[in-house]
N, C-alpha and C. Protein backbone atom coordinates (compact mmCIF):
# COMPACT_ATOMS: atom_id res chain seq x y z
N UNK A 1 0.83 -1.29 -0.15
CA UNK A 1 -0.04 -0.06 0.06
C UNK A 1 0.89 1.21 -0.10
N UNK A 2 1.93 1.26 0.88
CA UNK A 2 2.77 2.43 0.89
C UNK A 2 3.47 2.58 -0.44
N UNK A 3 3.91 1.63 -1.08
CA UNK A 3 4.71 1.96 -2.44
C UNK A 3 3.38 2.48 -3.45
N UNK A 4 2.26 1.94 -3.39
CA UNK A 4 1.16 2.41 -4.31
C UNK A 4 1.13 4.17 -3.78
N UNK A 5 1.00 4.35 -2.75
CA UNK A 5 0.83 5.70 -2.39
C UNK A 5 2.08 6.54 -2.88
N UNK A 6 3.29 6.15 -2.40
CA UNK A 6 4.57 6.71 -2.98
C UNK A 6 4.41 6.89 -4.55
N UNK A 7 4.17 5.81 -5.28
CA UNK A 7 4.07 6.01 -6.73
C UNK A 7 2.90 6.79 -7.25
N UNK A 8 1.87 6.85 -6.59
CA UNK A 8 0.79 7.84 -6.90
C UNK A 8 1.31 9.27 -6.59
N UNK A 9 2.21 9.52 -5.61
CA UNK A 9 2.52 10.84 -5.21
C UNK A 9 3.54 11.20 -6.33
N UNK A 10 4.48 10.37 -6.70
CA UNK A 10 5.46 10.73 -7.82
C UNK A 10 4.65 10.89 -9.06
N UNK A 11 3.74 10.12 -9.44
CA UNK A 11 2.96 10.47 -10.73
C UNK A 11 2.30 11.74 -10.78
N UNK A 12 1.69 12.00 -9.53
CA UNK A 12 0.99 13.24 -9.44
C UNK A 12 1.90 14.51 -9.61
N UNK A 13 3.00 14.41 -9.08
CA UNK A 13 4.06 15.54 -9.08
C UNK A 13 4.75 15.59 -10.52
N UNK A 14 4.45 14.59 -11.12
CA UNK A 14 5.37 14.52 -12.47
C UNK A 14 4.53 15.45 -13.41
N UNK A 15 3.18 15.79 -13.30
CA UNK A 15 2.72 16.57 -13.99
C UNK A 15 2.52 18.10 -13.64
N UNK A 16 3.51 18.41 -12.67
CA UNK A 16 3.25 19.89 -12.15
C UNK A 16 4.57 20.47 -11.85
N UNK A 17 5.64 20.01 -12.64
CA UNK A 17 6.88 20.62 -12.47
C UNK A 17 7.52 20.94 -13.84
N UNK A 18 8.52 21.83 -13.84
CA UNK A 18 9.31 22.24 -14.96
C UNK A 18 10.65 21.88 -14.73
N UNK A 19 11.49 21.56 -15.76
CA UNK A 19 12.87 21.04 -15.44
C UNK A 19 13.56 22.34 -14.98
N UNK A 20 13.57 23.42 -15.46
CA UNK A 20 14.09 24.74 -14.93
C UNK A 20 13.89 24.77 -13.44
N UNK A 21 12.64 24.63 -13.06
CA UNK A 21 12.22 25.07 -11.53
C UNK A 21 11.65 23.74 -10.80
N UNK A 22 12.25 22.51 -11.29
CA UNK A 22 11.64 21.26 -11.06
C UNK A 22 11.19 21.03 -9.59
N UNK A 23 11.81 21.69 -8.64
CA UNK A 23 11.40 21.54 -7.18
C UNK A 23 10.95 22.84 -6.54
N UNK A 24 11.41 23.90 -7.17
CA UNK A 24 11.14 25.34 -6.60
C UNK A 24 9.68 25.50 -6.06
N UNK A 25 8.77 25.13 -6.76
CA UNK A 25 7.26 25.36 -6.22
C UNK A 25 6.69 24.30 -5.17
N UNK A 26 7.80 23.32 -4.66
CA UNK A 26 7.34 22.20 -3.92
C UNK A 26 7.73 22.81 -2.36
N UNK A 27 8.62 23.47 -2.30
CA UNK A 27 9.18 23.86 -0.88
C UNK A 27 8.09 24.66 -0.08
N UNK A 28 7.64 24.14 0.98
CA UNK A 28 6.79 24.92 1.86
C UNK A 28 5.16 24.49 1.40
N UNK A 29 5.01 23.79 0.41
CA UNK A 29 3.66 23.41 -0.14
C UNK A 29 3.42 21.87 0.01
N UNK A 30 2.03 21.65 -0.08
CA UNK A 30 1.65 20.28 0.02
C UNK A 30 0.80 19.80 -1.34
N UNK A 31 1.14 18.56 -1.66
CA UNK A 31 0.38 17.92 -2.84
C UNK A 31 -0.47 16.94 -2.22
N UNK A 32 -1.84 17.24 -2.56
CA UNK A 32 -3.04 16.26 -2.05
C UNK A 32 -3.26 15.27 -2.99
N UNK A 33 -3.27 13.98 -2.89
CA UNK A 33 -3.55 12.85 -3.69
C UNK A 33 -4.75 12.26 -3.30
N UNK A 34 -5.77 11.98 -4.33
CA UNK A 34 -6.93 11.28 -3.93
C UNK A 34 -7.05 10.04 -4.87
N UNK A 35 -6.90 8.71 -4.20
CA UNK A 35 -6.90 7.41 -5.04
C UNK A 35 -8.29 7.26 -5.60
N UNK A 36 -8.13 6.22 -6.54
CA UNK A 36 -9.30 5.70 -7.12
C UNK A 36 -10.63 5.19 -6.10
N UNK A 37 -10.04 4.79 -5.06
CA UNK A 37 -10.99 4.40 -3.99
C UNK A 37 -11.34 5.44 -3.10
N UNK A 38 -10.95 6.65 -3.40
CA UNK A 38 -11.41 8.01 -2.47
C UNK A 38 -10.36 8.09 -1.28
N UNK A 39 -9.30 7.34 -1.17
CA UNK A 39 -8.44 7.51 -0.20
C UNK A 39 -7.57 8.85 -0.46
N UNK A 40 -7.18 9.48 0.57
CA UNK A 40 -6.45 10.68 0.45
C UNK A 40 -5.03 10.62 1.08
N UNK A 41 -3.96 10.96 0.49
CA UNK A 41 -2.65 11.10 0.83
C UNK A 41 -2.22 12.58 0.66
N UNK A 42 -1.49 13.09 1.63
CA UNK A 42 -0.87 14.46 1.43
C UNK A 42 0.66 14.27 1.52
N UNK A 43 1.26 14.98 0.80
CA UNK A 43 2.76 15.03 0.70
C UNK A 43 3.21 16.61 0.91
N UNK A 44 3.95 16.93 2.15
CA UNK A 44 4.24 18.15 2.39
C UNK A 44 5.78 18.12 2.20
N UNK A 45 6.21 19.30 1.58
CA UNK A 45 7.72 19.64 1.44
C UNK A 45 8.05 20.72 2.34
N UNK A 46 8.60 20.56 3.55
CA UNK A 46 8.88 21.61 4.43
C UNK A 46 10.06 22.45 4.07
N UNK A 47 11.02 21.74 3.30
CA UNK A 47 12.35 22.40 2.82
C UNK A 47 12.70 21.69 1.56
N UNK A 48 14.06 21.95 1.10
CA UNK A 48 14.52 21.48 -0.07
C UNK A 48 15.15 20.05 -0.27
N UNK A 49 14.95 19.40 1.04
CA UNK A 49 15.32 18.02 1.06
C UNK A 49 14.46 16.91 1.75
N UNK A 50 13.58 17.46 2.43
CA UNK A 50 12.57 16.71 3.38
C UNK A 50 11.06 16.57 2.91
N UNK A 51 10.27 15.50 3.26
CA UNK A 51 9.07 15.45 3.03
C UNK A 51 8.33 14.85 4.13
N UNK A 52 7.11 15.01 4.32
CA UNK A 52 6.21 14.26 5.36
C UNK A 52 5.00 13.82 4.67
N UNK A 53 4.82 12.60 4.53
CA UNK A 53 3.49 11.98 4.04
C UNK A 53 2.53 11.82 5.08
N UNK A 54 1.32 12.38 4.88
CA UNK A 54 0.04 11.96 5.83
C UNK A 54 -0.63 10.87 5.02
N UNK A 55 -0.55 9.57 5.49
CA UNK A 55 -1.24 8.47 4.90
C UNK A 55 -2.71 8.55 5.20
N UNK A 56 -3.52 7.79 4.39
CA UNK A 56 -4.90 7.72 4.63
C UNK A 56 -5.44 7.35 5.94
N UNK A 57 -4.57 6.48 6.72
CA UNK A 57 -4.74 6.08 8.06
C UNK A 57 -4.43 7.23 9.09
N UNK A 58 -3.97 8.45 8.53
CA UNK A 58 -3.51 9.44 9.54
C UNK A 58 -2.17 9.41 10.06
N UNK A 59 -1.42 8.40 9.80
CA UNK A 59 -0.01 8.15 10.08
C UNK A 59 0.87 9.34 9.26
N UNK A 60 1.76 9.79 9.87
CA UNK A 60 2.58 10.73 9.24
C UNK A 60 4.06 9.85 9.11
N UNK A 61 4.63 9.88 7.84
CA UNK A 61 5.88 9.34 7.49
C UNK A 61 6.94 10.14 7.03
N UNK A 62 7.98 10.31 7.70
CA UNK A 62 9.05 11.38 7.20
C UNK A 62 9.74 10.64 6.00
N UNK A 63 10.39 11.45 5.19
CA UNK A 63 11.13 11.13 4.19
C UNK A 63 11.97 12.25 3.59
N UNK A 64 12.56 12.04 2.54
CA UNK A 64 13.50 12.98 1.64
C UNK A 64 13.19 12.95 0.39
N UNK A 65 13.52 14.03 -0.33
CA UNK A 65 13.45 14.08 -1.86
C UNK A 65 14.69 14.87 -2.26
N UNK A 66 14.79 14.59 -3.65
CA UNK A 66 15.90 15.31 -4.36
C UNK A 66 15.46 15.50 -5.79
N UNK A 67 16.31 16.16 -6.46
CA UNK A 67 16.06 16.41 -7.99
C UNK A 67 17.10 15.43 -8.67
N UNK A 68 16.68 14.81 -9.69
CA UNK A 68 17.76 13.95 -10.41
C UNK A 68 17.31 14.17 -11.84
N UNK A 69 18.13 15.12 -12.34
CA UNK A 69 17.90 15.48 -13.91
C UNK A 69 16.56 16.28 -13.90
N UNK A 70 15.67 15.82 -14.76
CA UNK A 70 14.46 16.52 -14.63
C UNK A 70 13.24 15.51 -13.91
N UNK A 71 13.67 14.85 -12.97
CA UNK A 71 12.78 13.90 -12.27
C UNK A 71 13.00 14.30 -10.65
N UNK A 72 11.79 14.08 -9.87
CA UNK A 72 11.93 14.22 -8.34
C UNK A 72 11.86 12.66 -7.80
N UNK A 73 12.99 12.47 -6.90
CA UNK A 73 13.22 11.19 -6.43
C UNK A 73 12.68 11.27 -4.87
N UNK A 74 12.05 10.40 -4.40
CA UNK A 74 11.51 10.51 -3.22
C UNK A 74 11.82 9.19 -2.40
N UNK A 75 12.20 9.28 -0.98
CA UNK A 75 12.25 8.02 -0.23
C UNK A 75 11.54 8.41 0.94
N UNK A 76 10.55 7.35 1.51
CA UNK A 76 9.90 7.75 2.81
C UNK A 76 9.69 6.21 3.32
N UNK A 77 9.52 6.18 4.63
CA UNK A 77 9.53 5.07 5.40
C UNK A 77 10.51 4.11 5.06
N UNK A 78 9.95 2.75 4.96
CA UNK A 78 10.97 1.70 4.64
C UNK A 78 10.89 1.50 3.09
N UNK A 79 10.38 2.26 2.21
CA UNK A 79 10.31 1.96 0.92
C UNK A 79 11.52 2.46 -0.01
N UNK A 80 11.89 1.76 -0.98
CA UNK A 80 12.95 2.24 -1.67
C UNK A 80 12.78 3.56 -2.31
N UNK A 81 13.76 4.15 -3.00
CA UNK A 81 13.58 5.40 -3.72
C UNK A 81 12.78 5.24 -4.91
N UNK A 82 11.93 6.22 -5.17
CA UNK A 82 10.94 6.27 -6.34
C UNK A 82 11.15 7.51 -6.95
N UNK A 83 11.35 7.53 -8.23
CA UNK A 83 11.52 8.74 -9.15
C UNK A 83 10.27 8.92 -10.07
N UNK A 84 9.96 10.07 -10.35
CA UNK A 84 8.92 10.43 -11.25
C UNK A 84 9.44 10.21 -12.79
N UNK A 85 8.51 10.11 -13.61
CA UNK A 85 9.00 10.30 -14.96
C UNK A 85 9.39 11.60 -15.16
N UNK A 86 10.05 11.85 -16.37
CA UNK A 86 10.45 13.26 -16.90
C UNK A 86 9.25 14.24 -16.65
N UNK A 87 9.65 15.48 -15.91
CA UNK A 87 8.61 16.43 -15.51
C UNK A 87 8.73 17.65 -16.71
N UNK A 88 7.58 18.09 -17.11
CA UNK A 88 7.31 19.21 -18.00
C UNK A 88 6.92 20.43 -17.69
N UNK A 89 5.88 20.46 -16.63
CA UNK A 89 5.44 21.78 -16.46
C UNK A 89 5.79 22.27 -14.83
N UNK A 90 5.91 23.53 -14.72
CA UNK A 90 6.30 24.19 -13.52
C UNK A 90 5.20 24.03 -12.41
N UNK A 91 5.35 23.74 -11.21
CA UNK A 91 4.56 23.63 -10.13
C UNK A 91 3.69 24.99 -9.97
N UNK A 92 2.65 25.02 -9.44
CA UNK A 92 1.76 26.17 -9.36
C UNK A 92 0.68 25.85 -8.22
N UNK A 93 0.76 26.73 -7.27
CA UNK A 93 -0.40 26.53 -6.04
C UNK A 93 -1.66 26.76 -6.71
N UNK A 94 -2.57 25.90 -6.46
CA UNK A 94 -3.97 25.85 -7.01
C UNK A 94 -4.13 25.06 -8.33
N UNK A 95 -2.98 24.59 -8.75
CA UNK A 95 -3.21 23.55 -9.90
C UNK A 95 -3.81 22.21 -9.51
N UNK A 96 -4.56 21.57 -10.41
CA UNK A 96 -4.90 20.21 -9.97
C UNK A 96 -5.02 19.37 -11.31
N UNK A 97 -5.29 18.08 -11.24
CA UNK A 97 -5.54 17.29 -12.28
C UNK A 97 -5.71 15.92 -12.02
N UNK A 98 -5.66 14.98 -12.97
CA UNK A 98 -6.08 13.68 -12.77
C UNK A 98 -4.84 12.89 -13.44
N UNK A 99 -4.32 11.96 -12.99
CA UNK A 99 -3.33 11.01 -13.67
C UNK A 99 -3.93 9.65 -13.61
N UNK A 100 -3.75 8.89 -14.78
CA UNK A 100 -4.43 7.71 -14.88
C UNK A 100 -3.16 6.71 -14.86
N UNK A 101 -3.27 5.72 -13.95
CA UNK A 101 -2.08 4.83 -13.69
C UNK A 101 -2.59 3.40 -13.59
N UNK A 102 -1.77 2.52 -13.34
CA UNK A 102 -2.13 1.14 -13.23
C UNK A 102 -3.24 0.78 -12.44
N UNK A 103 -3.21 1.37 -11.32
CA UNK A 103 -4.20 1.25 -10.15
C UNK A 103 -5.48 2.10 -10.35
N UNK A 104 -5.57 2.78 -11.38
CA UNK A 104 -6.78 3.72 -11.72
C UNK A 104 -6.43 5.32 -11.80
N UNK A 105 -7.26 6.14 -11.70
CA UNK A 105 -7.19 7.56 -11.66
C UNK A 105 -6.84 8.13 -10.28
N UNK A 106 -5.88 8.86 -10.24
CA UNK A 106 -5.50 9.58 -9.00
C UNK A 106 -5.60 11.19 -9.27
N UNK A 107 -6.35 11.81 -8.60
CA UNK A 107 -6.62 13.20 -8.57
C UNK A 107 -5.71 13.77 -7.67
N UNK A 108 -5.09 14.91 -8.07
CA UNK A 108 -4.00 15.71 -7.51
C UNK A 108 -4.36 17.14 -7.40
N UNK A 109 -3.71 17.67 -6.34
CA UNK A 109 -4.04 19.35 -6.30
C UNK A 109 -2.78 19.77 -5.31
N UNK A 110 -2.44 21.00 -5.74
CA UNK A 110 -1.28 21.76 -4.92
C UNK A 110 -1.84 22.70 -4.17
N UNK A 111 -1.57 22.76 -2.90
CA UNK A 111 -1.90 23.74 -2.09
C UNK A 111 -0.79 24.52 -1.18
N UNK A 112 -0.98 25.88 -0.92
CA UNK A 112 0.15 26.49 -0.21
C UNK A 112 0.17 26.07 1.23
N UNK A 113 1.44 26.00 1.71
CA UNK A 113 1.69 25.57 3.07
C UNK A 113 1.44 24.28 3.49
N UNK A 114 1.52 23.81 4.90
CA UNK A 114 1.23 22.58 5.22
C UNK A 114 -0.22 22.39 5.29
N UNK A 115 -0.85 21.51 4.60
CA UNK A 115 -2.29 21.30 4.59
C UNK A 115 -2.69 20.13 5.43
N UNK A 116 -1.98 19.87 6.61
CA UNK A 116 -2.53 18.94 7.55
C UNK A 116 -1.85 19.12 8.91
């Protein structure tokens, strides 16, 4: 389940960043992910190297993130590092969308600050 959550997080983020500013819009903000079954996971980026995931069960899991070329790579809990596919668009607070993946559609939205 955690791997699915991390994969969904990375897929959601892959649609909201630009190569030039790949991580700039993340710092201090939250990406909210709603899975195909309605579960909600939030990813907060307090600084340029750390994340906190709020899982659907309410647990908060610390982790790290980094930029690798034009991808964001994230590690959280006991899961191995997971990297996004190449990123095309710059992050924007207030932006949202839907990503279709193997497990179904994941809705994502970027909000300002820590949203949990």
